[in-house]
């Protein structure tokens, strides 16, 4: 569990609940869950953060992508997906 992932979880927790999603933090990753299904996984890889979503992986440099920036990206992505199904 890293400080980066903890901050990210705290930033997105309330917004996720509006979509029936919950953040689940483990040693290796922050999983965004719907019931028992993993919708998205965020892993802290020291200098990078890796986001896995719908079979694709996206890497973000932690120097430029602070938790609040990644939180916005996650929320916006999930909002669009909820609208389009």
PDB file of N, CA and C in Angstrom:
ATOM      1  N   UNK A   1       0.855  -1.168   0.000  1.00  0.00           N
ATOM      2  CA  UNK A   1       0.000   0.000   0.000  1.00  0.00           C
ATOM      3  C   UNK A   1       0.902   1.232   0.000  1.00  0.00           C
ATOM      4  N   UNK A   2       0.615   2.164  -0.903  1.00  0.00           N
ATOM      5  CA  UNK A   2       1.452   3.355  -0.989  1.00  0.00           C
ATOM      6  C   UNK A   2       0.641   4.607  -0.669  1.00  0.00           C
ATOM      7  N   UNK A   3       1.351   5.644  -0.314  1.00  0.00           N
ATOM      8  CA  UNK A   3       0.700   6.922  -0.024  1.00  0.00           C
ATOM      9  C   UNK A   3      -0.038   7.450  -1.256  1.00  0.00           C
ATOM     10  N   UNK A   4       0.556   7.261  -2.420  1.00  0.00           N
ATOM     11  CA  UNK A   4      -0.073   7.707  -3.669  1.00  0.00           C
ATOM     12  C   UNK A   4      -1.441   7.052  -3.838  1.00  0.00           C
ATOM     13  N   UNK A   5      -1.500   5.721  -3.675  1.00  0.00           N
ATOM     14  CA  UNK A   5      -2.767   5.000  -3.842  1.00  0.00           C
ATOM     15  C   UNK A   5      -3.772   5.348  -2.746  1.00  0.00           C
ATOM     16  N   UNK A   6      -3.277   5.581  -1.534  1.00  0.00           N
ATOM     17  CA  UNK A   6      -4.169   5.987  -0.440  1.00  0.00           C
ATOM     18  C   UNK A   6      -4.808   7.332  -0.741  1.00  0.00           C
ATOM     19  N   UNK A   7      -4.011   8.281  -1.218  1.00  0.00           N
ATOM     20  CA  UNK A   7      -4.552   9.601  -1.574  1.00  0.00           C
ATOM     21  C   UNK A   7      -5.561   9.479  -2.706  1.00  0.00           C
ATOM     22  N   UNK A   8      -5.230   8.671  -3.697  1.00  0.00           N
ATOM     23  CA  UNK A   8      -6.123   8.472  -4.829  1.00  0.00           C
ATOM     24  C   UNK A   8      -7.457   7.879  -4.367  1.00  0.00           C
ATOM     25  N   UNK A   9      -7.391   6.867  -3.527  1.00  0.00           N
ATOM     26  CA  UNK A   9      -8.612   6.239  -2.995  1.00  0.00           C
ATOM     27  C   UNK A   9      -9.486   7.267  -2.291  1.00  0.00           C
ATOM     28  N   UNK A  10      -8.875   8.093  -1.444  1.00  0.00           N
ATOM     29  CA  UNK A  10      -9.633   9.099  -0.703  1.00  0.00           C
ATOM     30  C   UNK A  10     -10.271  10.128  -1.624  1.00  0.00           C
ATOM     31  N   UNK A  11      -9.599  10.455  -2.717  1.00  0.00           N
ATOM     32  CA  UNK A  11     -10.111  11.446  -3.658  1.00  0.00           C
ATOM     33  C   UNK A  11     -11.301  10.936  -4.477  1.00  0.00           C
ATOM     34  N   UNK A  12     -11.333   9.646  -4.770  1.00  0.00           N
ATOM     35  CA  UNK A  12     -12.375   9.121  -5.668  1.00  0.00           C
ATOM     36  C   UNK A  12     -13.507   8.389  -4.953  1.00  0.00           C
ATOM     37  N   UNK A  13     -13.324   8.081  -3.692  1.00  0.00           N
ATOM     38  CA  UNK A  13     -14.265   7.243  -2.944  1.00  0.00           C
ATOM     39  C   UNK A  13     -15.715   7.737  -3.031  1.00  0.00           C
ATOM     40  N   UNK A  14     -15.944   8.999  -2.732  1.00  0.00           N
ATOM     41  CA  UNK A  14     -17.305   9.539  -2.716  1.00  0.00           C
ATOM     42  C   UNK A  14     -17.943   9.522  -4.103  1.00  0.00           C
ATOM     43  N   UNK A  15     -17.195   9.928  -5.110  1.00  0.00           N
ATOM     44  CA  UNK A  15     -17.718   9.963  -6.474  1.00  0.00           C
ATOM     45  C   UNK A  15     -18.037   8.555  -6.984  1.00  0.00           C
ATOM     46  N   UNK A  16     -17.185   7.587  -6.659  1.00  0.00           N
ATOM     47  CA  UNK A  16     -17.418   6.207  -7.090  1.00  0.00           C
ATOM     48  C   UNK A  16     -18.722   5.655  -6.538  1.00  0.00           C
ATOM     49  N   UNK A  17     -19.046   6.031  -5.315  1.00  0.00           N
ATOM     50  CA  UNK A  17     -20.261   5.506  -4.683  1.00  0.00           C
ATOM     51  C   UNK A  17     -21.517   5.896  -5.466  1.00  0.00           C
ATOM     52  N   UNK A  18     -21.462   7.004  -6.199  1.00  0.00           N
ATOM     53  CA  UNK A  18     -22.609   7.431  -7.019  1.00  0.00           C
ATOM     54  C   UNK A  18     -22.892   6.449  -8.146  1.00  0.00           C
ATOM     55  N   UNK A  19     -21.893   5.651  -8.520  1.00  0.00           N
ATOM     56  CA  UNK A  19     -22.026   4.693  -9.607  1.00  0.00           C
ATOM     57  C   UNK A  19     -22.064   3.250  -9.109  1.00  0.00           C
ATOM     58  N   UNK A  20     -22.217   3.088  -7.812  1.00  0.00           N
ATOM     59  CA  UNK A  20     -22.259   1.746  -7.249  1.00  0.00           C
ATOM     60  C   UNK A  20     -20.902   1.063  -7.237  1.00  0.00           C
ATOM     61  N   UNK A  21     -19.846   1.855  -7.220  1.00  0.00           N
ATOM     62  CA  UNK A  21     -18.479   1.339  -7.233  1.00  0.00           C
ATOM     63  C   UNK A  21     -17.803   1.630  -5.907  1.00  0.00           C
ATOM     64  N   UNK A  22     -16.837   0.784  -5.539  1.00  0.00           N
ATOM     65  CA  UNK A  22     -16.076   1.013  -4.313  1.00  0.00           C
ATOM     66  C   UNK A  22     -14.587   0.795  -4.579  1.00  0.00           C
ATOM     67  N   UNK A  23     -13.741   1.607  -3.941  1.00  0.00           N
ATOM     68  CA  UNK A  23     -12.302   1.386  -4.060  1.00  0.00           C
ATOM     69  C   UNK A  23     -11.844   0.373  -3.019  1.00  0.00           C
ATOM     70  N   UNK A  24     -11.009  -0.551  -3.425  1.00  0.00           N
ATOM     71  CA  UNK A  24     -10.478  -1.576  -2.530  1.00  0.00           C
ATOM     72  C   UNK A  24      -8.956  -1.542  -2.625  1.00  0.00           C
ATOM     73  N   UNK A  25      -8.318  -1.185  -1.523  1.00  0.00           N
ATOM     74  CA  UNK A  25      -6.873  -1.012  -1.517  1.00  0.00           C
ATOM     75  C   UNK A  25      -6.196  -2.251  -0.939  1.00  0.00           C
ATOM     76  N   UNK A  26      -5.236  -2.794  -1.687  1.00  0.00           N
ATOM     77  CA  UNK A  26      -4.436  -3.919  -1.206  1.00  0.00           C
ATOM     78  C   UNK A  26      -2.975  -3.486  -1.187  1.00  0.00           C
ATOM     79  N   UNK A  27      -2.090  -4.405  -0.873  1.00  0.00           N
ATOM     80  CA  UNK A  27      -0.660  -4.086  -0.860  1.00  0.00           C
ATOM     81  C   UNK A  27      -0.167  -3.635  -2.229  1.00  0.00           C
ATOM     82  N   UNK A  28      -0.623  -4.298  -3.273  1.00  0.00           N
ATOM     83  CA  UNK A  28      -0.100  -4.054  -4.610  1.00  0.00           C
ATOM     84  C   UNK A  28      -0.896  -3.071  -5.446  1.00  0.00           C
ATOM     85  N   UNK A  29      -2.189  -2.895  -5.149  1.00  0.00           N
ATOM     86  CA  UNK A  29      -3.022  -2.140  -6.085  1.00  0.00           C
ATOM     87  C   UNK A  29      -4.254  -1.535  -5.423  1.00  0.00           C
ATOM     88  N   UNK A  30      -4.819  -0.598  -6.153  1.00  0.00           N
ATOM     89  CA  UNK A  30      -6.126  -0.036  -5.817  1.00  0.00           C
ATOM     90  C   UNK A  30      -7.077  -0.582  -6.870  1.00  0.00           C
ATOM     91  N   UNK A  31      -8.040  -1.381  -6.437  1.00  0.00           N
ATOM     92  CA  UNK A  31      -9.027  -1.936  -7.356  1.00  0.00           C
ATOM     93  C   UNK A  31     -10.335  -1.177  -7.195  1.00  0.00           C
ATOM     94  N   UNK A  32     -10.940  -0.860  -8.322  1.00  0.00           N
ATOM     95  CA  UNK A  32     -12.272  -0.262  -8.304  1.00  0.00           C
ATOM     96  C   UNK A  32     -13.234  -1.392  -8.608  1.00  0.00           C
ATOM     97  N   UNK A  33     -14.137  -1.620  -7.665  1.00  0.00           N
ATOM     98  CA  UNK A  33     -14.992  -2.801  -7.697  1.00  0.00           C
ATOM     99  C   UNK A  33     -16.467  -2.452  -7.895  1.00  0.00           C
ATOM    100  N   UNK A  34     -17.162  -3.337  -8.595  1.00  0.00           N
ATOM    101  CA  UNK A  34     -18.624  -3.318  -8.646  1.00  0.00           C
ATOM    102  C   UNK A  34     -19.022  -4.689  -8.146  1.00  0.00           C
ATOM    103  N   UNK A  35     -19.593  -4.712  -6.936  1.00  0.00           N
ATOM    104  CA  UNK A  35     -19.867  -5.971  -6.231  1.00  0.00           C
ATOM    105  C   UNK A  35     -18.537  -6.715  -6.084  1.00  0.00           C
ATOM    106  N   UNK A  36     -18.415  -7.898  -6.686  1.00  0.00           N
ATOM    107  CA  UNK A  36     -17.161  -8.659  -6.570  1.00  0.00           C
ATOM    108  C   UNK A  36     -16.309  -8.575  -7.828  1.00  0.00           C
ATOM    109  N   UNK A  37     -16.738  -7.781  -8.795  1.00  0.00           N
ATOM    110  CA  UNK A  37     -16.021  -7.664 -10.059  1.00  0.00           C
ATOM    111  C   UNK A  37     -15.072  -6.466 -10.046  1.00  0.00           C
ATOM    112  N   UNK A  38     -13.864  -6.686 -10.534  1.00  0.00           N
ATOM    113  CA  UNK A  38     -12.892  -5.599 -10.656  1.00  0.00           C
ATOM    114  C   UNK A  38     -13.166  -4.860 -11.966  1.00  0.00           C
ATOM    115  N   UNK A  39     -13.434  -3.559 -11.857  1.00  0.00           N
ATOM    116  CA  UNK A  39     -13.708  -2.734 -13.019  1.00  0.00           C
ATOM    117  C   UNK A  39     -12.415  -2.091 -13.534  1.00  0.00           C
ATOM    118  N   UNK A  40     -11.563  -1.672 -12.595  1.00  0.00           N
ATOM    119  CA  UNK A  40     -10.320  -0.983 -12.941  1.00  0.00           C
ATOM    120  C   UNK A  40      -9.288  -1.280 -11.861  1.00  0.00           C
ATOM    121  N   UNK A  41      -8.030  -1.381 -12.264  1.00  0.00           N
ATOM    122  CA  UNK A  41      -6.935  -1.608 -11.322  1.00  0.00           C
ATOM    123  C   UNK A  41      -5.871  -0.539 -11.525  1.00  0.00           C
ATOM    124  N   UNK A  42      -5.405   0.028 -10.426  1.00  0.00           N
ATOM    125  CA  UNK A  42      -4.340   1.014 -10.459  1.00  0.00           C
ATOM    126  C   UNK A  42      -3.191   0.475  -9.612  1.00  0.00           C
ATOM    127  N   UNK A  43      -2.007   0.369 -10.214  1.00  0.00           N
ATOM    128  CA  UNK A  43      -0.834  -0.145  -9.515  1.00  0.00           C
ATOM    129  C   UNK A  43       0.245   0.924  -9.448  1.00  0.00           C
ATOM    130  N   UNK A  44       0.881   1.030  -8.305  1.00  0.00           N
ATOM    131  CA  UNK A  44       1.988   1.963  -8.117  1.00  0.00           C
ATOM    132  C   UNK A  44       3.292   1.226  -8.431  1.00  0.00           C
ATOM    133  N   UNK A  45       3.980   1.668  -9.478  1.00  0.00           N
ATOM    134  CA  UNK A  45       5.214   1.015  -9.917  1.00  0.00           C
ATOM    135  C   UNK A  45       6.412   1.946  -9.706  1.00  0.00           C
ATOM    136  N   UNK A  46       6.511   2.511  -8.527  1.00  0.00           N
ATOM    137  CA  UNK A  46       7.573   3.431  -8.111  1.00  0.00           C
ATOM    138  C   UNK A  46       7.519   4.753  -8.855  1.00  0.00           C
ATOM    139  N   UNK A  47       8.075   4.843 -10.063  1.00  0.00           N
ATOM    140  CA  UNK A  47       8.075   6.105 -10.803  1.00  0.00           C
ATOM    141  C   UNK A  47       6.821   6.294 -11.646  1.00  0.00           C
ATOM    142  N   UNK A  48       6.096   5.207 -11.856  1.00  0.00           N
ATOM    143  CA  UNK A  48       4.911   5.235 -12.703  1.00  0.00           C
ATOM    144  C   UNK A  48       3.706   4.658 -11.972  1.00  0.00           C
ATOM    145  N   UNK A  49       2.547   5.019 -12.478  1.00  0.00           N
ATOM    146  CA  UNK A  49       1.295   4.420 -12.026  1.00  0.00           C
ATOM    147  C   UNK A  49       0.705   3.762 -13.262  1.00  0.00           C
ATOM    148  N   UNK A  50       0.297   2.512 -13.111  1.00  0.00           N
ATOM    149  CA  UNK A  50      -0.287   1.781 -14.226  1.00  0.00           C
ATOM    150  C   UNK A  50      -1.774   1.567 -13.970  1.00  0.00           C
ATOM    151  N   UNK A  51      -2.582   1.987 -14.918  1.00  0.00           N
ATOM    152  CA  UNK A  51      -4.030   1.850 -14.812  1.00  0.00           C
ATOM    153  C   UNK A  51      -4.471   0.793 -15.827  1.00  0.00           C
ATOM    154  N   UNK A  52      -5.154  -0.236 -15.365  1.00  0.00           N
ATOM    155  CA  UNK A  52      -5.672  -1.292 -16.243  1.00  0.00           C
ATOM    156  C   UNK A  52      -7.186  -1.160 -16.298  1.00  0.00           C
ATOM    157  N   UNK A  53      -7.702  -1.065 -17.536  1.00  0.00           N
ATOM    158  CA  UNK A  53      -9.138  -0.868 -17.710  1.00  0.00           C
ATOM    159  C   UNK A  53      -9.573  -1.476 -19.031  1.00  0.00           C
ATOM    160  N   UNK A  54     -10.552  -2.344 -18.977  1.00  0.00           N
ATOM    161  CA  UNK A  54     -11.111  -3.001 -20.161  1.00  0.00           C
ATOM    162  C   UNK A  54     -10.041  -3.647 -21.037  1.00  0.00           C
ATOM    163  N   UNK A  55      -9.108  -4.349 -20.386  1.00  0.00           N
ATOM    164  CA  UNK A  55      -8.090  -5.092 -21.108  1.00  0.00           C
ATOM    165  C   UNK A  55      -6.922  -4.266 -21.619  1.00  0.00           C
ATOM    166  N   UNK A  56      -6.901  -2.977 -21.326  1.00  0.00           N
ATOM    167  CA  UNK A  56      -5.795  -2.120 -21.767  1.00  0.00           C
ATOM    168  C   UNK A  56      -5.074  -1.554 -20.559  1.00  0.00           C
ATOM    169  N   UNK A  57      -3.782  -1.278 -20.749  1.00  0.00           N
ATOM    170  CA  UNK A  57      -2.976  -0.708 -19.670  1.00  0.00           C
ATOM    171  C   UNK A  57      -2.466   0.662 -20.093  1.00  0.00           C
ATOM    172  N   UNK A  58      -2.537   1.590 -19.147  1.00  0.00           N
ATOM    173  CA  UNK A  58      -2.082   2.950 -19.383  1.00  0.00           C
ATOM    174  C   UNK A  58      -1.083   3.307 -18.285  1.00  0.00           C
ATOM    175  N   UNK A  59       0.041   3.894 -18.665  1.00  0.00           N
ATOM    176  CA  UNK A  59       1.064   4.281 -17.695  1.00  0.00           C
ATOM    177  C   UNK A  59       1.113   5.794 -17.551  1.00  0.00           C
ATOM    178  N   UNK A  60       1.246   6.239 -16.315  1.00  0.00           N
ATOM    179  CA  UNK A  60       1.320   7.665 -16.006  1.00  0.00           C
ATOM    180  C   UNK A  60       2.557   7.912 -15.157  1.00  0.00           C
ATOM    181  N   UNK A  61       3.342   8.903 -15.540  1.00  0.00           N
ATOM    182  CA  UNK A  61       4.523   9.302 -14.798  1.00  0.00           C
ATOM    183  C   UNK A  61       4.070  10.024 -13.525  1.00  0.00           C
ATOM    184  N   UNK A  62       4.489   9.531 -12.376  1.00  0.00           N
ATOM    185  CA  UNK A  62       4.040  10.119 -11.098  1.00  0.00           C
ATOM    186  C   UNK A  62       4.562  11.537 -10.881  1.00  0.00           C
ATOM    187  N   UNK A  63       5.635  11.893 -11.544  1.00  0.00           N
ATOM    188  CA  UNK A  63       6.172  13.246 -11.404  1.00  0.00           C
ATOM    189  C   UNK A  63       5.170  14.265 -11.957  1.00  0.00           C
ATOM    190  N   UNK A  64       4.516  13.910 -13.063  1.00  0.00           N
ATOM    191  CA  UNK A  64       3.566  14.822 -13.709  1.00  0.00           C
ATOM    192  C   UNK A  64       2.122  14.548 -13.332  1.00  0.00           C
ATOM    193  N   UNK A  65       1.823  13.326 -12.976  1.00  0.00           N
ATOM    194  CA  UNK A  65       0.437  12.925 -12.695  1.00  0.00           C
ATOM    195  C   UNK A  65       0.261  12.724 -11.196  1.00  0.00           C
ATOM    196  N   UNK A  66      -0.167  13.781 -10.519  1.00  0.00           N
ATOM    197  CA  UNK A  66      -0.416  13.725  -9.081  1.00  0.00           C
ATOM    198  C   UNK A  66      -1.736  12.982  -8.850  1.00  0.00           C
ATOM    199  N   UNK A  67      -1.982  12.501  -7.629  1.00  0.00           N
ATOM    200  CA  UNK A  67      -3.223  11.760  -7.366  1.00  0.00           C
ATOM    201  C   UNK A  67      -4.492  12.505  -7.797  1.00  0.00           C
ATOM    202  N   UNK A  68      -4.536  13.815  -7.582  1.00  0.00           N
ATOM    203  CA  UNK A  68      -5.742  14.568  -7.972  1.00  0.00           C
ATOM    204  C   UNK A  68      -5.935  14.591  -9.493  1.00  0.00           C
ATOM    205  N   UNK A  69      -4.850  14.557 -10.263  1.00  0.00           N
ATOM    206  CA  UNK A  69      -4.967  14.523 -11.722  1.00  0.00           C
ATOM    207  C   UNK A  69      -5.484  13.168 -12.188  1.00  0.00           C
ATOM    208  N   UNK A  70      -4.937  12.110 -11.621  1.00  0.00           N
ATOM    209  CA  UNK A  70      -5.382  10.771 -11.988  1.00  0.00           C
ATOM    210  C   UNK A  70      -6.823  10.533 -11.516  1.00  0.00           C
ATOM    211  N   UNK A  71      -7.185  11.093 -10.373  1.00  0.00           N
ATOM    212  CA  UNK A  71      -8.560  10.974  -9.873  1.00  0.00           C
ATOM    213  C   UNK A  71      -9.539  11.548 -10.894  1.00  0.00           C
ATOM    214  N   UNK A  72      -9.225  12.705 -11.457  1.00  0.00           N
ATOM    215  CA  UNK A  72     -10.088  13.321 -12.475  1.00  0.00           C
ATOM    216  C   UNK A  72     -10.217  12.426 -13.697  1.00  0.00           C
ATOM    217  N   UNK A  73      -9.102  11.854 -14.131  1.00  0.00           N
ATOM    218  CA  UNK A  73      -9.116  10.963 -15.291  1.00  0.00           C
ATOM    219  C   UNK A  73      -9.999   9.748 -15.025  1.00  0.00           C
ATOM    220  N   UNK A  74      -9.856   9.151 -13.857  1.00  0.00           N
ATOM    221  CA  UNK A  74     -10.640   7.965 -13.502  1.00  0.00           C
ATOM    222  C   UNK A  74     -12.131   8.296 -13.455  1.00  0.00           C
ATOM    223  N   UNK A  75     -12.477   9.368 -12.760  1.00  0.00           N
ATOM    224  CA  UNK A  75     -13.891   9.749 -12.623  1.00  0.00           C
ATOM    225  C   UNK A  75     -14.498  10.062 -13.983  1.00  0.00           C
ATOM    226  N   UNK A  76     -13.798  10.828 -14.812  1.00  0.00           N
ATOM    227  CA  UNK A  76     -14.318  11.167 -16.138  1.00  0.00           C
ATOM    228  C   UNK A  76     -14.503   9.933 -17.008  1.00  0.00           C
ATOM    229  N   UNK A  77     -13.565   9.008 -16.955  1.00  0.00           N
ATOM    230  CA  UNK A  77     -13.675   7.766 -17.725  1.00  0.00           C
ATOM    231  C   UNK A  77     -14.892   6.966 -17.283  1.00  0.00           C
ATOM    232  N   UNK A  78     -15.071   6.825 -15.980  1.00  0.00           N
ATOM    233  CA  UNK A  78     -16.203   6.048 -15.468  1.00  0.00           C
ATOM    234  C   UNK A  78     -17.534   6.734 -15.742  1.00  0.00           C
ATOM    235  N   UNK A  79     -17.576   8.064 -15.697  1.00  0.00           N
ATOM    236  CA  UNK A  79     -18.811   8.798 -16.010  1.00  0.00           C
ATOM    237  C   UNK A  79     -19.245   8.516 -17.448  1.00  0.00           C
ATOM    238  N   UNK A  80     -18.304   8.586 -18.376  1.00  0.00           N
ATOM    239  CA  UNK A  80     -18.609   8.335 -19.785  1.00  0.00           C
ATOM    240  C   UNK A  80     -19.092   6.905 -19.965  1.00  0.00           C
ATOM    241  N   UNK A  81     -18.430   5.946 -19.315  1.00  0.00           N
ATOM    242  CA  UNK A  81     -18.806   4.544 -19.446  1.00  0.00           C
ATOM    243  C   UNK A  81     -20.204   4.280 -18.880  1.00  0.00           C
ATOM    244  N   UNK A  82     -20.529   4.944 -17.781  1.00  0.00           N
ATOM    245  CA  UNK A  82     -21.852   4.748 -17.175  1.00  0.00           C
ATOM    246  C   UNK A  82     -22.949   5.288 -18.084  1.00  0.00           C
ATOM    247  N   UNK A  83     -22.661   6.365 -18.787  1.00  0.00           N
ATOM    248  CA  UNK A  83     -23.647   6.961 -19.702  1.00  0.00           C
ATOM    249  C   UNK A  83     -23.826   6.150 -20.967  1.00  0.00           C
ATOM    250  N   UNK A  84     -22.716   5.583 -21.456  1.00  0.00           N
ATOM    251  CA  UNK A  84     -22.783   4.843 -22.720  1.00  0.00           C
ATOM    252  C   UNK A  84     -23.025   3.351 -22.528  1.00  0.00           C
ATOM    253  N   UNK A  85     -22.861   2.906 -21.281  1.00  0.00           N
ATOM    254  CA  UNK A  85     -23.109   1.492 -20.975  1.00  0.00           C
ATOM    255  C   UNK A  85     -21.907   0.702 -21.270  1.00  0.00           C
TER     256      UNK A  85
END
